[in-house]
Amino acid sequence: MEKKIIKILSNVLEVPQTDLGEHSSQVNVANWDSLNHMKLVVALEEEFGVKFKDEDILELQSFKLIKFILSKYLK
């Protein structure tokens, strides 16, 4: 799951995969703006076959939170 998330983050945010990891968040990834956030949500939903609740979409603010929230949907 982690590699898929990194790949999606890289593609949507146009950042090399090697620059992304546990530390990545809206705070320290320059291209992670509101428009790219929604693109990221759509890409994650399509890749993992889930539909995030509105409150979870707002919480997807970092790699760690994406992993945590996504794991709830994949149980």
PDB file of N, CA and C in Angstrom:
ATOM      1  N   MET A   1       0.815  -1.192   0.000  1.00  0.00           N
ATOM      2  CA  MET A   1       0.000   0.000   0.000  1.00  0.00           C
ATOM      3  C   MET A   1       0.864   1.262   0.000  1.00  0.00           C
ATOM      4  N   GLU A   2       1.947   1.260   0.770  1.00  0.00           N
ATOM      5  CA  GLU A   2       2.790   2.450   0.878  1.00  0.00           C
ATOM      6  C   GLU A   2       3.379   2.852  -0.470  1.00  0.00           C
ATOM      7  N   LYS A   3       3.851   1.875  -1.232  1.00  0.00           N
ATOM      8  CA  LYS A   3       4.449   2.183  -2.536  1.00  0.00           C
ATOM      9  C   LYS A   3       3.417   2.781  -3.485  1.00  0.00           C
ATOM     10  N   LYS A   4       2.183   2.272  -3.433  1.00  0.00           N
ATOM     11  CA  LYS A   4       1.121   2.816  -4.281  1.00  0.00           C
ATOM     12  C   LYS A   4       0.808   4.256  -3.894  1.00  0.00           C
ATOM     13  N   ILE A   5       0.756   4.523  -2.592  1.00  0.00           N
ATOM     14  CA  ILE A   5       0.476   5.884  -2.119  1.00  0.00           C
ATOM     15  C   ILE A   5       1.574   6.833  -2.576  1.00  0.00           C
ATOM     16  N   ILE A   6       2.823   6.421  -2.417  1.00  0.00           N
ATOM     17  CA  ILE A   6       3.955   7.257  -2.843  1.00  0.00           C
ATOM     18  C   ILE A   6       3.872   7.532  -4.339  1.00  0.00           C
ATOM     19  N   LYS A   7       3.559   6.514  -5.121  1.00  0.00           N
ATOM     20  CA  LYS A   7       3.456   6.685  -6.570  1.00  0.00           C
ATOM     21  C   LYS A   7       2.352   7.684  -6.918  1.00  0.00           C
ATOM     22  N   ILE A   8       1.212   7.576  -6.264  1.00  0.00           N
ATOM     23  CA  ILE A   8       0.103   8.502  -6.507  1.00  0.00           C
ATOM     24  C   ILE A   8       0.490   9.916  -6.094  1.00  0.00           C
ATOM     25  N   LEU A   9       1.075  10.064  -4.915  1.00  0.00           N
ATOM     26  CA  LEU A   9       1.538  11.383  -4.470  1.00  0.00           C
ATOM     27  C   LEU A   9       2.501  11.984  -5.484  1.00  0.00           C
ATOM     28  N   SER A  10       3.433  11.187  -5.947  1.00  0.00           N
ATOM     29  CA  SER A  10       4.428  11.639  -6.916  1.00  0.00           C
ATOM     30  C   SER A  10       3.775  12.102  -8.212  1.00  0.00           C
ATOM     31  N   ASN A  11       2.848  11.300  -8.722  1.00  0.00           N
ATOM     32  CA  ASN A  11       2.190  11.642  -9.985  1.00  0.00           C
ATOM     33  C   ASN A  11       1.329  12.893  -9.866  1.00  0.00           C
ATOM     34  N   VAL A  12       0.531  12.971  -8.826  1.00  0.00           N
ATOM     35  CA  VAL A  12      -0.392  14.099  -8.665  1.00  0.00           C
ATOM     36  C   VAL A  12       0.356  15.383  -8.327  1.00  0.00           C
ATOM     37  N   LEU A  13       1.323  15.288  -7.433  1.00  0.00           N
ATOM     38  CA  LEU A  13       2.021  16.480  -6.951  1.00  0.00           C
ATOM     39  C   LEU A  13       3.253  16.831  -7.775  1.00  0.00           C
ATOM     40  N   GLU A  14       3.569  15.973  -8.745  1.00  0.00           N
ATOM     41  CA  GLU A  14       4.723  16.184  -9.626  1.00  0.00           C
ATOM     42  C   GLU A  14       6.013  16.366  -8.829  1.00  0.00           C
ATOM     43  N   VAL A  15       6.230  15.423  -7.924  1.00  0.00           N
ATOM     44  CA  VAL A  15       7.409  15.406  -7.064  1.00  0.00           C
ATOM     45  C   VAL A  15       8.053  14.032  -7.221  1.00  0.00           C
ATOM     46  N   PRO A  16       9.390  13.956  -7.311  1.00  0.00           N
ATOM     47  CA  PRO A  16      10.039  12.644  -7.421  1.00  0.00           C
ATOM     48  C   PRO A  16       9.679  11.747  -6.233  1.00  0.00           C
ATOM     49  N   GLN A  17       9.479  10.471  -6.517  1.00  0.00           N
ATOM     50  CA  GLN A  17       9.128   9.521  -5.457  1.00  0.00           C
ATOM     51  C   GLN A  17      10.170   9.504  -4.349  1.00  0.00           C
ATOM     52  N   THR A  18      11.422   9.722  -4.712  1.00  0.00           N
ATOM     53  CA  THR A  18      12.500   9.692  -3.718  1.00  0.00           C
ATOM     54  C   THR A  18      12.407  10.853  -2.727  1.00  0.00           C
ATOM     55  N   ASP A  19      11.646  11.896  -3.074  1.00  0.00           N
ATOM     56  CA  ASP A  19      11.474  13.046  -2.176  1.00  0.00           C
ATOM     57  C   ASP A  19      10.286  12.877  -1.231  1.00  0.00           C
ATOM     58  N   LEU A  20       9.570  11.768  -1.351  1.00  0.00           N
ATOM     59  CA  LEU A  20       8.360  11.554  -0.562  1.00  0.00           C
ATOM     60  C   LEU A  20       8.544  10.402   0.412  1.00  0.00           C
ATOM     61  N   GLY A  21       7.848  10.472   1.535  1.00  0.00           N
ATOM     62  CA  GLY A  21       7.903   9.395   2.517  1.00  0.00           C
ATOM     63  C   GLY A  21       7.094   9.741   3.745  1.00  0.00           C
ATOM     64  N   GLU A  22       7.438   9.129   4.855  1.00  0.00           N
ATOM     65  CA  GLU A  22       6.709   9.307   6.113  1.00  0.00           C
ATOM     66  C   GLU A  22       6.546  10.774   6.508  1.00  0.00           C
ATOM     67  N   HIS A  23       7.490  11.595   6.140  1.00  0.00           N
ATOM     68  CA  HIS A  23       7.498  13.003   6.534  1.00  0.00           C
ATOM     69  C   HIS A  23       6.625  13.890   5.648  1.00  0.00           C
ATOM     70  N   SER A  24       6.178  13.398   4.520  1.00  0.00           N
ATOM     71  CA  SER A  24       5.494  14.228   3.524  1.00  0.00           C
ATOM     72  C   SER A  24       4.113  14.672   4.001  1.00  0.00           C
ATOM     73  N   SER A  25       3.849  15.986   3.813  1.00  0.00           N
ATOM     74  CA  SER A  25       2.556  16.542   4.211  1.00  0.00           C
ATOM     75  C   SER A  25       2.279  17.814   3.418  1.00  0.00           C
ATOM     76  N   GLN A  26       1.091  18.365   3.621  1.00  0.00           N
ATOM     77  CA  GLN A  26       0.736  19.622   2.961  1.00  0.00           C
ATOM     78  C   GLN A  26       1.684  20.743   3.373  1.00  0.00           C
ATOM     79  N   VAL A  27       2.261  20.627   4.544  1.00  0.00           N
ATOM     80  CA  VAL A  27       3.146  21.664   5.069  1.00  0.00           C
ATOM     81  C   VAL A  27       4.473  21.717   4.321  1.00  0.00           C
ATOM     82  N   ASN A  28       5.019  20.557   3.927  1.00  0.00           N
ATOM     83  CA  ASN A  28       6.363  20.555   3.355  1.00  0.00           C
ATOM     84  C   ASN A  28       6.457  20.082   1.903  1.00  0.00           C
ATOM     85  N   VAL A  29       5.315  19.892   1.239  1.00  0.00           N
ATOM     86  CA  VAL A  29       5.326  19.574  -0.190  1.00  0.00           C
ATOM     87  C   VAL A  29       4.663  20.744  -0.910  1.00  0.00           C
ATOM     88  N   ALA A  30       5.472  21.518  -1.620  1.00  0.00           N
ATOM     89  CA  ALA A  30       5.026  22.788  -2.196  1.00  0.00           C
ATOM     90  C   ALA A  30       3.804  22.664  -3.106  1.00  0.00           C
ATOM     91  N   ASN A  31       3.730  21.622  -3.899  1.00  0.00           N
ATOM     92  CA  ASN A  31       2.629  21.480  -4.860  1.00  0.00           C
ATOM     93  C   ASN A  31       1.342  20.948  -4.241  1.00  0.00           C
ATOM     94  N   TRP A  32       1.332  20.672  -2.953  1.00  0.00           N
ATOM     95  CA  TRP A  32       0.154  20.088  -2.303  1.00  0.00           C
ATOM     96  C   TRP A  32      -0.814  21.206  -1.916  1.00  0.00           C
ATOM     97  N   ASP A  33      -1.478  21.765  -2.921  1.00  0.00           N
ATOM     98  CA  ASP A  33      -2.468  22.819  -2.702  1.00  0.00           C
ATOM     99  C   ASP A  33      -3.870  22.214  -2.724  1.00  0.00           C
ATOM    100  N   SER A  34      -4.897  23.057  -2.642  1.00  0.00           N
ATOM    101  CA  SER A  34      -6.270  22.542  -2.552  1.00  0.00           C
ATOM    102  C   SER A  34      -6.710  21.804  -3.813  1.00  0.00           C
ATOM    103  N   LEU A  35      -6.306  22.293  -4.975  1.00  0.00           N
ATOM    104  CA  LEU A  35      -6.682  21.621  -6.221  1.00  0.00           C
ATOM    105  C   LEU A  35      -6.009  20.249  -6.312  1.00  0.00           C
ATOM    106  N   ASN A  36      -4.716  20.205  -6.044  1.00  0.00           N
ATOM    107  CA  ASN A  36      -4.011  18.920  -6.087  1.00  0.00           C
ATOM    108  C   ASN A  36      -4.481  17.984  -4.978  1.00  0.00           C
ATOM    109  N   HIS A  37      -4.958  18.550  -3.881  1.00  0.00           N
ATOM    110  CA  HIS A  37      -5.504  17.705  -2.812  1.00  0.00           C
ATOM    111  C   HIS A  37      -6.715  16.933  -3.334  1.00  0.00           C
ATOM    112  N   MET A  38      -7.592  17.604  -4.054  1.00  0.00           N
ATOM    113  CA  MET A  38      -8.776  16.930  -4.597  1.00  0.00           C
ATOM    114  C   MET A  38      -8.389  15.920  -5.677  1.00  0.00           C
ATOM    115  N   LYS A  39      -7.388  16.249  -6.488  1.00  0.00           N
ATOM    116  CA  LYS A  39      -6.895  15.286  -7.480  1.00  0.00           C
ATOM    117  C   LYS A  39      -6.325  14.053  -6.779  1.00  0.00           C
ATOM    118  N   LEU A  40      -5.645  14.288  -5.679  1.00  0.00           N
ATOM    119  CA  LEU A  40      -5.074  13.198  -4.888  1.00  0.00           C
ATOM    120  C   LEU A  40      -6.180  12.301  -4.327  1.00  0.00           C
ATOM    121  N   VAL A  41      -7.232  12.915  -3.811  1.00  0.00           N
ATOM    122  CA  VAL A  41      -8.365  12.154  -3.274  1.00  0.00           C
ATOM    123  C   VAL A  41      -8.965  11.259  -4.355  1.00  0.00           C
ATOM    124  N   VAL A  42      -9.206  11.827  -5.532  1.00  0.00           N
ATOM    125  CA  VAL A  42      -9.791  11.062  -6.639  1.00  0.00           C
ATOM    126  C   VAL A  42      -8.866   9.915  -7.039  1.00  0.00           C
ATOM    127  N   ALA A  43      -7.575  10.192  -7.143  1.00  0.00           N
ATOM    128  CA  ALA A  43      -6.613   9.156  -7.539  1.00  0.00           C
ATOM    129  C   ALA A  43      -6.564   8.026  -6.508  1.00  0.00           C
ATOM    130  N   LEU A  44      -6.590   8.367  -5.230  1.00  0.00           N
ATOM    131  CA  LEU A  44      -6.580   7.346  -4.175  1.00  0.00           C
ATOM    132  C   LEU A  44      -7.859   6.512  -4.214  1.00  0.00           C
ATOM    133  N   GLU A  45      -8.993   7.179  -4.397  1.00  0.00           N
ATOM    134  CA  GLU A  45     -10.267   6.459  -4.467  1.00  0.00           C
ATOM    135  C   GLU A  45     -10.284   5.492  -5.647  1.00  0.00           C
ATOM    136  N   GLU A  46      -9.790   5.943  -6.785  1.00  0.00           N
ATOM    137  CA  GLU A  46      -9.772   5.082  -7.970  1.00  0.00           C
ATOM    138  C   GLU A  46      -8.814   3.907  -7.798  1.00  0.00           C
ATOM    139  N   GLU A  47      -7.631   4.167  -7.287  1.00  0.00           N
ATOM    140  CA  GLU A  47      -6.622   3.112  -7.136  1.00  0.00           C
ATOM    141  C   GLU A  47      -7.048   2.045  -6.131  1.00  0.00           C
ATOM    142  N   PHE A  48      -7.633   2.478  -5.020  1.00  0.00           N
ATOM    143  CA  PHE A  48      -7.944   1.539  -3.948  1.00  0.00           C
ATOM    144  C   PHE A  48      -9.417   1.125  -3.904  1.00  0.00           C
ATOM    145  N   GLY A  49     -10.230   1.657  -4.812  1.00  0.00           N
ATOM    146  CA  GLY A  49     -11.635   1.259  -4.880  1.00  0.00           C
ATOM    147  C   GLY A  49     -12.443   1.646  -3.654  1.00  0.00           C
ATOM    148  N   VAL A  50     -12.171   2.841  -3.132  1.00  0.00           N
ATOM    149  CA  VAL A  50     -12.886   3.326  -1.952  1.00  0.00           C
ATOM    150  C   VAL A  50     -13.563   4.655  -2.275  1.00  0.00           C
ATOM    151  N   LYS A  51     -14.443   5.086  -1.373  1.00  0.00           N
ATOM    152  CA  LYS A  51     -15.081   6.401  -1.470  1.00  0.00           C
ATOM    153  C   LYS A  51     -14.966   7.034  -0.092  1.00  0.00           C
ATOM    154  N   PHE A  52     -14.100   8.050   0.029  1.00  0.00           N
ATOM    155  CA  PHE A  52     -13.862   8.689   1.319  1.00  0.00           C
ATOM    156  C   PHE A  52     -15.060   9.523   1.759  1.00  0.00           C
ATOM    157  N   LYS A  53     -15.323   9.523   3.057  1.00  0.00           N
ATOM    158  CA  LYS A  53     -16.316  10.422   3.642  1.00  0.00           C
ATOM    159  C   LYS A  53     -15.732  11.831   3.626  1.00  0.00           C
ATOM    160  N   ASP A  54     -16.609  12.833   3.607  1.00  0.00           N
ATOM    161  CA  ASP A  54     -16.155  14.225   3.555  1.00  0.00           C
ATOM    162  C   ASP A  54     -15.178  14.561   4.673  1.00  0.00           C
ATOM    163  N   GLU A  55     -15.476  14.110   5.890  1.00  0.00           N
ATOM    164  CA  GLU A  55     -14.597  14.436   7.016  1.00  0.00           C
ATOM    165  C   GLU A  55     -13.222  13.787   6.863  1.00  0.00           C
ATOM    166  N   ASP A  56     -13.160  12.628   6.220  1.00  0.00           N
ATOM    167  CA  ASP A  56     -11.872  11.980   5.994  1.00  0.00           C
ATOM    168  C   ASP A  56     -11.077  12.697   4.910  1.00  0.00           C
ATOM    169  N   ILE A  57     -11.762  13.222   3.904  1.00  0.00           N
ATOM    170  CA  ILE A  57     -11.077  13.969   2.843  1.00  0.00           C
ATOM    171  C   ILE A  57     -10.309  15.137   3.443  1.00  0.00           C
ATOM    172  N   LEU A  58     -10.908  15.806   4.399  1.00  0.00           N
ATOM    173  CA  LEU A  58     -10.255  16.943   5.050  1.00  0.00           C
ATOM    174  C   LEU A  58      -9.040  16.519   5.865  1.00  0.00           C
ATOM    175  N   GLU A  59      -9.041  15.283   6.348  1.00  0.00           N
ATOM    176  CA  GLU A  59      -7.953  14.788   7.193  1.00  0.00           C
ATOM    177  C   GLU A  59      -6.771  14.214   6.413  1.00  0.00           C
ATOM    178  N   LEU A  60      -6.907  14.021   5.121  1.00  0.00           N
ATOM    179  CA  LEU A  60      -5.834  13.418   4.314  1.00  0.00           C
ATOM    180  C   LEU A  60      -4.721  14.438   4.053  1.00  0.00           C
ATOM    181  N   GLN A  61      -4.066  14.885   5.112  1.00  0.00           N
ATOM    182  CA  GLN A  61      -3.113  15.984   5.019  1.00  0.00           C
ATOM    183  C   GLN A  61      -1.649  15.568   5.040  1.00  0.00           C
ATOM    184  N   SER A  62      -1.400  14.280   5.150  1.00  0.00           N
ATOM    185  CA  SER A  62      -0.015  13.810   5.171  1.00  0.00           C
ATOM    186  C   SER A  62       0.026  12.350   4.736  1.00  0.00           C
ATOM    187  N   PHE A  63       1.213  11.891   4.416  1.00  0.00           N
ATOM    188  CA  PHE A  63       1.397  10.486   4.046  1.00  0.00           C
ATOM    189  C   PHE A  63       0.910   9.577   5.174  1.00  0.00           C
ATOM    190  N   LYS A  64       1.291   9.902   6.417  1.00  0.00           N
ATOM    191  CA  LYS A  64       0.902   9.076   7.558  1.00  0.00           C
ATOM    192  C   LYS A  64      -0.615   9.022   7.714  1.00  0.00           C
ATOM    193  N   LEU A  65      -1.274  10.172   7.581  1.00  0.00           N
ATOM    194  CA  LEU A  65      -2.731  10.197   7.719  1.00  0.00           C
ATOM    195  C   LEU A  65      -3.418   9.481   6.564  1.00  0.00           C
ATOM    196  N   ILE A  66      -2.871   9.593   5.370  1.00  0.00           N
ATOM    197  CA  ILE A  66      -3.435   8.865   4.225  1.00  0.00           C
ATOM    198  C   ILE A  66      -3.385   7.369   4.508  1.00  0.00           C
ATOM    199  N   LYS A  67      -2.231   6.882   4.967  1.00  0.00           N
ATOM    200  CA  LYS A  67      -2.092   5.455   5.295  1.00  0.00           C
ATOM    201  C   LYS A  67      -3.094   5.033   6.361  1.00  0.00           C
ATOM    202  N   PHE A  68      -3.196   5.826   7.413  1.00  0.00           N
ATOM    203  CA  PHE A  68      -4.076   5.497   8.528  1.00  0.00           C
ATOM    204  C   PHE A  68      -5.541   5.464   8.091  1.00  0.00           C
ATOM    205  N   ILE A  69      -5.988   6.513   7.411  1.00  0.00           N
ATOM    206  CA  ILE A  69      -7.392   6.601   6.995  1.00  0.00           C
ATOM    207  C   ILE A  69      -7.705   5.549   5.945  1.00  0.00           C
ATOM    208  N   LEU A  70      -6.815   5.366   4.999  1.00  0.00           N
ATOM    209  CA  LEU A  70      -7.036   4.368   3.952  1.00  0.00           C
ATOM    210  C   LEU A  70      -7.136   2.962   4.546  1.00  0.00           C
ATOM    211  N   SER A  71      -6.338   2.681   5.558  1.00  0.00           N
ATOM    212  CA  SER A  71      -6.377   1.351   6.179  1.00  0.00           C
ATOM    213  C   SER A  71      -7.742   1.064   6.804  1.00  0.00           C
ATOM    214  N   LYS A  72      -8.439   2.099   7.279  1.00  0.00           N
ATOM    215  CA  LYS A  72      -9.787   1.904   7.835  1.00  0.00           C
ATOM    216  C   LYS A  72     -10.762   1.448   6.751  1.00  0.00           C
ATOM    217  N   TYR A  73     -10.573   1.937   5.542  1.00  0.00           N
ATOM    218  CA  TYR A  73     -11.471   1.599   4.437  1.00  0.00           C
ATOM    219  C   TYR A  73     -11.151   0.233   3.831  1.00  0.00           C
ATOM    220  N   LEU A  74      -9.941  -0.229   4.020  1.00  0.00           N
ATOM    221  CA  LEU A  74      -9.515  -1.475   3.385  1.00  0.00           C
ATOM    222  C   LEU A  74      -9.634  -2.689   4.298  1.00  0.00           C
ATOM    223  N   LYS A  75     -10.215  -2.527   5.467  1.00  0.00           N
ATOM    224  CA  LYS A  75     -10.377  -3.657   6.398  1.00  0.00           C
ATOM    225  C   LYS A  75     -11.390  -4.638   5.880  1.00  0.00           C
TER     226      LYS A  75
END
